[in-house]
Amino acid sequence: MGLLTPDPGLLIWMLITFGVVFFILAKYGFPVVIKMVDERKAYIDNSLKAAREANEQLANVKQESEKVLAQAREEQGRILSEAAATRDRIIKDAQERAQREGQRLMDEVKKQIETEKESAIRDIRRQVAVLSVGIAEKIMRNKLADEKEQTELIDRMLDEMIESSKK
């Protein structure tokens, strides 16, 4: 027989050995290998599922953070507008108080000026009355017949009165 042609007895034994090895492998080896492959597949599937869940959670966290950031911006805007309104109200109140206080002071000053003016007018009237009475008294006392002497006397008395009022 030739080198390349197998012997029929050898061929049968090879088939029997192959069948026994295949049976042993099918009975004990393949289930272990298949079990390991299934476990590896399950591990990979679980890892992919966990990665998807992590991505979803990350997307949710990102969405939540954007929502919180938007709320913070909205709150910031509200607080700033409230602060501006409070500032404007405080400024308006201060201006109104200053205006009322200014008006009150102005009224007091006007009242004081009016009082001083009336006092000055009374004082001037009193002085004029005193001067008039003094001049009339001196004229009557002297009973001057000459008009020239009367004029000189009046001028002199006025000068005296003016000088005495200056003191």
N, C-alpha and C. Protein backbone atom coordinates (compact mmCIF):
# COMPACT_ATOMS: atom_id res chain seq x y z
N MET A 1 0.82 -1.14 0.00
CA MET A 1 0.00 0.00 0.00
C MET A 1 0.89 1.23 0.00
N GLY A 2 0.31 2.28 -0.33
CA GLY A 2 1.12 3.47 -0.48
C GLY A 2 1.13 4.30 0.80
N LEU A 3 1.98 5.18 0.79
CA LEU A 3 2.14 6.06 1.94
C LEU A 3 0.94 6.99 2.13
N LEU A 4 0.35 7.34 1.08
CA LEU A 4 -0.74 8.28 1.19
C LEU A 4 -2.11 7.60 1.34
N THR A 5 -2.20 6.38 1.16
CA THR A 5 -3.47 5.70 1.26
C THR A 5 -3.52 5.01 2.63
N PRO A 6 -4.51 5.31 3.43
CA PRO A 6 -4.56 4.71 4.75
C PRO A 6 -5.09 3.26 4.67
N ASP A 7 -4.72 2.54 5.65
CA ASP A 7 -5.14 1.15 5.75
C ASP A 7 -6.57 1.14 6.27
N PRO A 8 -7.49 0.28 5.73
CA PRO A 8 -8.85 0.33 6.18
C PRO A 8 -8.97 0.03 7.68
N GLY A 9 -8.16 -0.83 8.26
CA GLY A 9 -8.24 -1.13 9.69
C GLY A 9 -7.84 0.10 10.49
N LEU A 10 -6.79 0.77 10.03
CA LEU A 10 -6.33 2.00 10.71
C LEU A 10 -7.40 3.08 10.61
N LEU A 11 -8.04 3.10 9.49
CA LEU A 11 -9.08 4.09 9.28
C LEU A 11 -10.24 3.84 10.25
N ILE A 12 -10.60 2.62 10.49
CA ILE A 12 -11.68 2.28 11.39
C ILE A 12 -11.28 2.67 12.81
N TRP A 13 -10.04 2.30 13.19
CA TRP A 13 -9.58 2.64 14.54
C TRP A 13 -9.50 4.15 14.72
N MET A 14 -9.12 4.83 13.73
CA MET A 14 -9.07 6.30 13.81
C MET A 14 -10.49 6.86 13.99
N LEU A 15 -11.45 6.29 13.29
CA LEU A 15 -12.81 6.74 13.41
C LEU A 15 -13.38 6.41 14.79
N ILE A 16 -13.04 5.22 15.32
CA ILE A 16 -13.51 4.82 16.65
C ILE A 16 -12.89 5.75 17.69
N THR A 17 -11.57 5.99 17.60
CA THR A 17 -10.87 6.86 18.54
C THR A 17 -11.44 8.28 18.45
N PHE A 18 -11.63 8.72 17.23
CA PHE A 18 -12.22 10.06 17.05
C PHE A 18 -13.60 10.10 17.68
N GLY A 19 -14.42 9.08 17.50
CA GLY A 19 -15.77 9.04 18.06
C GLY A 19 -15.74 9.03 19.58
N VAL A 20 -14.77 8.24 20.19
CA VAL A 20 -14.67 8.18 21.65
C VAL A 20 -14.24 9.56 22.17
N VAL A 21 -13.19 10.12 21.56
CA VAL A 21 -12.70 11.45 21.99
C VAL A 21 -13.80 12.49 21.80
N PHE A 22 -14.52 12.41 20.68
CA PHE A 22 -15.60 13.36 20.44
C PHE A 22 -16.70 13.19 21.47
N PHE A 23 -17.04 11.92 21.82
CA PHE A 23 -18.06 11.65 22.81
C PHE A 23 -17.63 12.19 24.18
N ILE A 24 -16.37 11.94 24.56
CA ILE A 24 -15.87 12.43 25.86
C ILE A 24 -15.88 13.96 25.86
N LEU A 25 -15.41 14.52 24.78
CA LEU A 25 -15.41 15.99 24.69
C LEU A 25 -16.85 16.52 24.70
N ALA A 26 -17.75 15.87 23.98
CA ALA A 26 -19.14 16.32 23.92
C ALA A 26 -19.80 16.16 25.29
N LYS A 27 -19.44 15.08 26.00
CA LYS A 27 -20.05 14.82 27.30
C LYS A 27 -19.48 15.73 28.38
N TYR A 28 -18.13 15.91 28.40
CA TYR A 28 -17.50 16.65 29.51
C TYR A 28 -16.81 17.95 29.10
N GLY A 29 -16.25 18.03 27.97
CA GLY A 29 -15.46 19.20 27.57
C GLY A 29 -16.28 20.33 26.98
N PHE A 30 -17.12 19.98 26.00
CA PHE A 30 -17.90 21.03 25.34
C PHE A 30 -18.84 21.77 26.29
N PRO A 31 -19.54 21.05 27.22
CA PRO A 31 -20.40 21.81 28.13
C PRO A 31 -19.61 22.83 28.96
N VAL A 32 -18.40 22.44 29.38
CA VAL A 32 -17.59 23.39 30.16
C VAL A 32 -17.20 24.57 29.28
N VAL A 33 -16.77 24.28 28.07
CA VAL A 33 -16.38 25.37 27.16
C VAL A 33 -17.59 26.23 26.82
N ILE A 34 -18.74 25.60 26.55
CA ILE A 34 -19.94 26.34 26.22
C ILE A 34 -20.38 27.18 27.44
N LYS A 35 -20.28 26.55 28.64
CA LYS A 35 -20.63 27.27 29.85
C LYS A 35 -19.73 28.49 30.02
N MET A 36 -18.45 28.34 29.80
CA MET A 36 -17.51 29.48 29.92
C MET A 36 -17.80 30.54 28.87
N VAL A 37 -18.12 30.10 27.66
CA VAL A 37 -18.46 31.06 26.60
C VAL A 37 -19.76 31.79 26.97
N ASP A 38 -20.76 31.04 27.49
CA ASP A 38 -22.02 31.68 27.90
C ASP A 38 -21.79 32.66 29.05
N GLU A 39 -20.94 32.26 30.02
CA GLU A 39 -20.63 33.15 31.13
C GLU A 39 -19.93 34.42 30.63
N ARG A 40 -18.99 34.21 29.71
CA ARG A 40 -18.28 35.36 29.14
C ARG A 40 -19.25 36.26 28.40
N LYS A 41 -20.17 35.62 27.65
CA LYS A 41 -21.18 36.40 26.91
C LYS A 41 -22.07 37.16 27.89
N ALA A 42 -22.51 36.49 28.97
CA ALA A 42 -23.35 37.14 29.97
C ALA A 42 -22.59 38.30 30.64
N TYR A 43 -21.30 38.08 30.94
CA TYR A 43 -20.49 39.14 31.54
C TYR A 43 -20.38 40.35 30.61
N ILE A 44 -20.16 40.06 29.32
CA ILE A 44 -20.05 41.14 28.32
C ILE A 44 -21.41 41.85 28.20
N ASP A 45 -22.51 41.06 28.16
CA ASP A 45 -23.84 41.67 28.07
C ASP A 45 -24.13 42.55 29.29
N ASN A 46 -23.78 42.01 30.49
CA ASN A 46 -23.98 42.80 31.72
C ASN A 46 -23.12 44.06 31.70
N SER A 47 -21.90 43.95 31.21
CA SER A 47 -21.02 45.13 31.13
C SER A 47 -21.60 46.16 30.17
N LEU A 48 -22.10 45.69 29.03
CA LEU A 48 -22.72 46.61 28.07
C LEU A 48 -23.97 47.26 28.66
N LYS A 49 -24.78 46.42 29.39
CA LYS A 49 -25.97 46.96 30.02
C LYS A 49 -25.59 48.00 31.08
N ALA A 50 -24.58 47.71 31.88
CA ALA A 50 -24.11 48.65 32.90
C ALA A 50 -23.58 49.92 32.26
N ALA A 51 -22.88 49.79 31.14
CA ALA A 51 -22.35 50.96 30.44
C ALA A 51 -23.50 51.81 29.91
N ARG A 52 -24.55 51.14 29.35
CA ARG A 52 -25.70 51.89 28.87
C ARG A 52 -26.40 52.62 30.02
N GLU A 53 -26.56 51.91 31.14
CA GLU A 53 -27.19 52.55 32.31
C GLU A 53 -26.35 53.72 32.81
N ALA A 54 -25.03 53.54 32.82
CA ALA A 54 -24.15 54.63 33.25
C ALA A 54 -24.29 55.82 32.32
N ASN A 55 -24.36 55.55 31.02
CA ASN A 55 -24.55 56.65 30.05
C ASN A 55 -25.89 57.34 30.27
N GLU A 56 -26.95 56.53 30.54
CA GLU A 56 -28.25 57.12 30.80
C GLU A 56 -28.22 57.97 32.07
N GLN A 57 -27.57 57.41 33.11
CA GLN A 57 -27.47 58.17 34.36
C GLN A 57 -26.67 59.44 34.15
N LEU A 58 -25.60 59.34 33.37
CA LEU A 58 -24.79 60.53 33.07
C LEU A 58 -25.62 61.56 32.31
N ALA A 59 -26.42 61.08 31.36
CA ALA A 59 -27.28 62.00 30.61
C ALA A 59 -28.32 62.62 31.56
N ASN A 60 -28.88 61.80 32.46
CA ASN A 60 -29.85 62.32 33.43
C ASN A 60 -29.19 63.34 34.37
N VAL A 61 -27.98 63.01 34.82
CA VAL A 61 -27.26 63.94 35.71
C VAL A 61 -26.98 65.24 34.97
N LYS A 62 -26.58 65.12 33.72
CA LYS A 62 -26.31 66.32 32.92
C LYS A 62 -27.58 67.14 32.75
N GLN A 63 -28.68 66.45 32.47
CA GLN A 63 -29.96 67.13 32.30
C GLN A 63 -30.39 67.80 33.62
N GLU A 64 -30.22 67.08 34.72
CA GLU A 64 -30.56 67.64 36.04
C GLU A 64 -29.67 68.84 36.36
N SER A 65 -28.38 68.72 36.05
CA SER A 65 -27.49 69.85 36.34
C SER A 65 -27.85 71.06 35.50
N GLU A 66 -28.24 70.84 34.24
CA GLU A 66 -28.68 71.96 33.40
C GLU A 66 -29.96 72.58 33.96
N LYS A 67 -30.87 71.72 34.46
CA LYS A 67 -32.11 72.22 35.05
C LYS A 67 -31.80 73.03 36.31
N VAL A 68 -30.92 72.50 37.16
CA VAL A 68 -30.55 73.21 38.39
C VAL A 68 -29.86 74.53 38.04
N LEU A 69 -28.99 74.49 37.04
CA LEU A 69 -28.30 75.71 36.61
C LEU A 69 -29.30 76.74 36.07
N ALA A 70 -30.28 76.28 35.31
CA ALA A 70 -31.31 77.19 34.80
C ALA A 70 -32.12 77.79 35.95
N GLN A 71 -32.46 76.94 36.95
CA GLN A 71 -33.19 77.44 38.11
C GLN A 71 -32.34 78.45 38.88
N ALA A 72 -31.03 78.16 39.00
CA ALA A 72 -30.14 79.09 39.71
C ALA A 72 -30.07 80.42 38.97
N ARG A 73 -30.00 80.36 37.66
CA ARG A 73 -29.97 81.62 36.88
C ARG A 73 -31.28 82.38 37.05
N GLU A 74 -32.37 81.65 37.03
CA GLU A 74 -33.68 82.29 37.22
C GLU A 74 -33.77 82.92 38.61
N GLU A 75 -33.31 82.19 39.62
CA GLU A 75 -33.31 82.70 41.00
C GLU A 75 -32.40 83.92 41.12
N GLN A 76 -31.25 83.85 40.46
CA GLN A 76 -30.32 84.98 40.47
C GLN A 76 -30.98 86.22 39.84
N GLY A 77 -31.64 86.02 38.72
CA GLY A 77 -32.33 87.13 38.06
C GLY A 77 -33.42 87.71 38.95
N ARG A 78 -34.18 86.82 39.62
CA ARG A 78 -35.23 87.28 40.52
C ARG A 78 -34.65 88.06 41.69
N ILE A 79 -33.57 87.54 42.26
CA ILE A 79 -32.93 88.23 43.39
C ILE A 79 -32.39 89.58 42.95
N LEU A 80 -31.76 89.63 41.78
CA LEU A 80 -31.22 90.90 41.29
C LEU A 80 -32.34 91.91 41.03
N SER A 81 -33.45 91.43 40.46
CA SER A 81 -34.56 92.37 40.21
C SER A 81 -35.18 92.85 41.52
N GLU A 82 -35.28 91.94 42.50
CA GLU A 82 -35.79 92.36 43.82
C GLU A 82 -34.85 93.36 44.47
N ALA A 83 -33.53 93.11 44.34
CA ALA A 83 -32.56 94.03 44.92
C ALA A 83 -32.65 95.40 44.25
N ALA A 84 -32.81 95.41 42.92
CA ALA A 84 -32.93 96.68 42.21
C ALA A 84 -34.21 97.40 42.64
N ALA A 85 -35.31 96.65 42.79
CA ALA A 85 -36.56 97.28 43.22
C ALA A 85 -36.43 97.83 44.63
N THR A 86 -35.77 97.08 45.51
CA THR A 86 -35.56 97.54 46.89
C THR A 86 -34.69 98.78 46.90
N ARG A 87 -33.62 98.76 46.09
CA ARG A 87 -32.73 99.93 46.00
C ARG A 87 -33.51 101.15 45.52
N ASP A 88 -34.32 100.97 44.47
CA ASP A 88 -35.10 102.10 43.94
C ASP A 88 -36.09 102.62 44.98
N ARG A 89 -36.72 101.69 45.71
CA ARG A 89 -37.68 102.10 46.74
C ARG A 89 -36.98 102.85 47.86
N ILE A 90 -35.81 102.37 48.27
CA ILE A 90 -35.06 103.04 49.34
C ILE A 90 -34.64 104.43 48.88
N ILE A 91 -34.16 104.53 47.65
CA ILE A 91 -33.74 105.84 47.12
C ILE A 91 -34.95 106.78 47.06
N LYS A 92 -36.09 106.26 46.58
CA LYS A 92 -37.30 107.10 46.48
C LYS A 92 -37.74 107.56 47.86
N ASP A 93 -37.73 106.62 48.83
CA ASP A 93 -38.12 106.99 50.20
C ASP A 93 -37.18 108.05 50.77
N ALA A 94 -35.87 107.87 50.53
CA ALA A 94 -34.90 108.84 51.04
C ALA A 94 -35.11 110.20 50.39
N GLN A 95 -35.39 110.20 49.09
CA GLN A 95 -35.63 111.48 48.41
C GLN A 95 -36.89 112.16 48.96
N GLU A 96 -37.94 111.36 49.18
CA GLU A 96 -39.17 111.95 49.71
C GLU A 96 -38.95 112.49 51.11
N ARG A 97 -38.22 111.73 51.96
CA ARG A 97 -37.93 112.22 53.31
C ARG A 97 -37.10 113.49 53.25
N ALA A 98 -36.09 113.51 52.36
CA ALA A 98 -35.24 114.70 52.23
C ALA A 98 -36.07 115.89 51.75
N GLN A 99 -36.98 115.63 50.83
CA GLN A 99 -37.82 116.72 50.31
C GLN A 99 -38.75 117.24 51.41
N ARG A 100 -39.34 116.32 52.18
CA ARG A 100 -40.21 116.76 53.28
C ARG A 100 -39.42 117.53 54.33
N GLU A 101 -38.23 117.02 54.67
CA GLU A 101 -37.39 117.70 55.66
C GLU A 101 -36.96 119.07 55.15
N GLY A 102 -36.60 119.14 53.86
CA GLY A 102 -36.23 120.42 53.26
C GLY A 102 -37.39 121.40 53.28
N GLN A 103 -38.58 120.90 52.97
CA GLN A 103 -39.76 121.76 52.98
C GLN A 103 -40.05 122.24 54.40
N ARG A 104 -39.91 121.33 55.38
CA ARG A 104 -40.15 121.70 56.78
C ARG A 104 -39.15 122.78 57.22
N LEU A 105 -37.86 122.58 56.87
CA LEU A 105 -36.85 123.57 57.23
C LEU A 105 -37.12 124.90 56.53
N MET A 106 -37.55 124.82 55.27
CA MET A 106 -37.85 126.03 54.52
C MET A 106 -39.01 126.77 55.18
N ASP A 107 -40.04 126.03 55.59
CA ASP A 107 -41.19 126.66 56.27
C ASP A 107 -40.76 127.30 57.58
N GLU A 108 -39.89 126.60 58.33
CA GLU A 108 -39.40 127.16 59.60
C GLU A 108 -38.60 128.44 59.36
N VAL A 109 -37.73 128.41 58.34
CA VAL A 109 -36.92 129.59 58.02
C VAL A 109 -37.82 130.74 57.58
N LYS A 110 -38.83 130.45 56.75
CA LYS A 110 -39.75 131.51 56.32
C LYS A 110 -40.49 132.10 57.52
N LYS A 111 -40.93 131.21 58.42
CA LYS A 111 -41.64 131.67 59.61
C LYS A 111 -40.71 132.54 60.46
N GLN A 112 -39.46 132.09 60.60
CA GLN A 112 -38.49 132.86 61.41
C GLN A 112 -38.21 134.21 60.76
N ILE A 113 -38.04 134.20 59.44
CA ILE A 113 -37.79 135.46 58.72
C ILE A 113 -38.98 136.40 58.90
N GLU A 114 -40.18 135.85 58.77
CA GLU A 114 -41.38 136.67 58.92
C GLU A 114 -41.46 137.26 60.34
N THR A 115 -41.13 136.42 61.33
CA THR A 115 -41.15 136.90 62.72
C THR A 115 -40.13 138.02 62.92
N GLU A 116 -38.92 137.80 62.39
CA GLU A 116 -37.87 138.83 62.52
C GLU A 116 -38.25 140.10 61.77
N LYS A 117 -38.88 139.92 60.62
CA LYS A 117 -39.31 141.09 59.82
C LYS A 117 -40.35 141.89 60.61
N GLU A 118 -41.33 141.20 61.18
CA GLU A 118 -42.35 141.89 61.97
C GLU A 118 -41.74 142.57 63.18
N SER A 119 -40.77 141.90 63.80
CA SER A 119 -40.10 142.49 64.96
C SER A 119 -39.33 143.75 64.55
N ALA A 120 -38.65 143.66 63.40
CA ALA A 120 -37.88 144.82 62.91
C ALA A 120 -38.82 145.98 62.57
N ILE A 121 -39.95 145.66 61.94
CA ILE A 121 -40.92 146.71 61.59
C ILE A 121 -41.48 147.36 62.86
N ARG A 122 -41.80 146.55 63.88
CA ARG A 122 -42.29 147.10 65.15
C ARG A 122 -41.22 147.99 65.80
N ASP A 123 -39.96 147.52 65.73
CA ASP A 123 -38.88 148.30 66.31
C ASP A 123 -38.69 149.62 65.58
N ILE A 124 -38.73 149.56 64.25
CA ILE A 124 -38.59 150.79 63.45
C ILE A 124 -39.75 151.75 63.76
N ARG A 125 -40.97 151.23 63.84
CA ARG A 125 -42.13 152.08 64.15
C ARG A 125 -41.98 152.72 65.53
N ARG A 126 -41.49 151.90 66.47
CA ARG A 126 -41.31 152.44 67.83
C ARG A 126 -40.27 153.55 67.81
N GLN A 127 -39.15 153.32 67.08
CA GLN A 127 -38.10 154.34 67.02
C GLN A 127 -38.60 155.60 66.31
N VAL A 128 -39.37 155.39 65.22
CA VAL A 128 -39.92 156.56 64.51
C VAL A 128 -40.87 157.33 65.44
N ALA A 129 -41.67 156.58 66.18
CA ALA A 129 -42.60 157.24 67.11
C ALA A 129 -41.84 158.01 68.18
N VAL A 130 -40.80 157.38 68.73
CA VAL A 130 -39.99 158.05 69.75
C VAL A 130 -39.35 159.30 69.17
N LEU A 131 -38.77 159.17 67.95
CA LEU A 131 -38.15 160.33 67.30
C LEU A 131 -39.17 161.44 67.06
N SER A 132 -40.33 161.03 66.56
CA SER A 132 -41.36 162.03 66.27
C SER A 132 -41.81 162.75 67.54
N VAL A 133 -42.01 161.97 68.58
CA VAL A 133 -42.43 162.57 69.85
C VAL A 133 -41.33 163.48 70.39
N GLY A 134 -40.08 163.02 70.26
CA GLY A 134 -38.95 163.84 70.75
C GLY A 134 -38.83 165.14 69.99
N ILE A 135 -38.95 165.06 68.68
CA ILE A 135 -38.85 166.27 67.86
C ILE A 135 -40.01 167.21 68.18
N ALA A 136 -41.21 166.67 68.26
CA ALA A 136 -42.38 167.50 68.54
C ALA A 136 -42.25 168.14 69.91
N GLU A 137 -41.73 167.37 70.84
CA GLU A 137 -41.57 167.91 72.20
C GLU A 137 -40.59 169.07 72.21
N LYS A 138 -39.46 168.91 71.53
CA LYS A 138 -38.45 169.97 71.52
C LYS A 138 -38.97 171.20 70.76
N ILE A 139 -39.70 170.96 69.68
CA ILE A 139 -40.25 172.09 68.93
C ILE A 139 -41.24 172.84 69.79
N MET A 140 -42.06 172.12 70.46
CA MET A 140 -43.07 172.74 71.30
C MET A 140 -42.41 173.48 72.47
N ARG A 141 -41.34 172.94 72.99
CA ARG A 141 -40.67 173.55 74.12
C ARG A 141 -40.05 174.89 73.72
N ASN A 142 -39.48 174.95 72.59
CA ASN A 142 -38.78 176.16 72.17
C ASN A 142 -39.73 177.20 71.59
N LYS A 143 -40.80 176.83 71.05
CA LYS A 143 -41.79 177.71 70.43
C LYS A 143 -41.09 178.79 69.62
N LEU A 144 -40.44 178.33 68.70
CA LEU A 144 -39.66 179.24 67.87
C LEU A 144 -40.57 180.01 66.94
N ALA A 145 -40.28 181.29 66.78
CA ALA A 145 -41.08 182.13 65.92
C ALA A 145 -40.47 182.16 64.52
N ASP A 146 -39.21 182.01 64.45
CA ASP A 146 -38.53 182.14 63.17
C ASP A 146 -38.49 180.76 62.48
N GLU A 147 -38.86 180.79 61.21
CA GLU A 147 -38.88 179.55 60.45
C GLU A 147 -37.48 179.02 60.24
N LYS A 148 -36.52 179.88 60.03
CA LYS A 148 -35.14 179.48 59.83
C LYS A 148 -34.62 178.80 61.08
N GLU A 149 -34.95 179.32 62.20
CA GLU A 149 -34.50 178.71 63.45
C GLU A 149 -35.18 177.37 63.65
N GLN A 150 -36.43 177.22 63.27
CA GLN A 150 -37.13 175.95 63.40
C GLN A 150 -36.47 174.88 62.54
N THR A 151 -36.14 175.25 61.29
CA THR A 151 -35.49 174.29 60.38
C THR A 151 -34.14 173.86 60.92
N GLU A 152 -33.37 174.83 61.41
CA GLU A 152 -32.06 174.50 61.97
C GLU A 152 -32.23 173.59 63.18
N LEU A 153 -33.20 173.89 64.02
CA LEU A 153 -33.44 173.09 65.21
C LEU A 153 -33.84 171.65 64.83
N ILE A 154 -34.71 171.52 63.85
CA ILE A 154 -35.17 170.19 63.42
C ILE A 154 -34.00 169.40 62.86
N ASP A 155 -33.17 170.06 62.03
CA ASP A 155 -32.00 169.36 61.46
C ASP A 155 -31.07 168.90 62.57
N ARG A 156 -30.81 169.77 63.51
CA ARG A 156 -29.91 169.44 64.60
C ARG A 156 -30.47 168.29 65.42
N MET A 157 -31.75 168.31 65.71
CA MET A 157 -32.37 167.26 66.51
C MET A 157 -32.36 165.91 65.77
N LEU A 158 -32.60 165.98 64.48
CA LEU A 158 -32.54 164.75 63.69
C LEU A 158 -31.14 164.17 63.73
N ASP A 159 -30.13 165.04 63.58
CA ASP A 159 -28.74 164.57 63.65
C ASP A 159 -28.46 163.93 65.00
N GLU A 160 -28.95 164.57 66.07
CA GLU A 160 -28.73 164.02 67.41
C GLU A 160 -29.42 162.67 67.56
N MET A 161 -30.63 162.59 67.07
CA MET A 161 -31.38 161.33 67.17
C MET A 161 -30.72 160.21 66.39
N ILE A 162 -30.24 160.55 65.20
CA ILE A 162 -29.56 159.55 64.36
C ILE A 162 -28.31 159.07 65.06
N GLU A 163 -27.55 160.01 65.63
CA GLU A 163 -26.32 159.60 66.33
C GLU A 163 -26.64 158.79 67.56
N SER A 164 -27.68 159.14 68.28
CA SER A 164 -28.02 158.38 69.50
C SER A 164 -28.57 156.99 69.14
N SER A 165 -29.23 156.86 67.98
CA SER A 165 -29.73 155.55 67.59
C SER A 165 -28.61 154.65 67.08
N LYS A 166 -27.51 155.25 66.60
CA LYS A 166 -26.38 154.48 66.11
C LYS A 166 -25.63 153.84 67.29
N LYS A 167 -25.69 154.50 68.41
CA LYS A 167 -24.96 154.01 69.58
C LYS A 167 -25.71 152.88 70.14
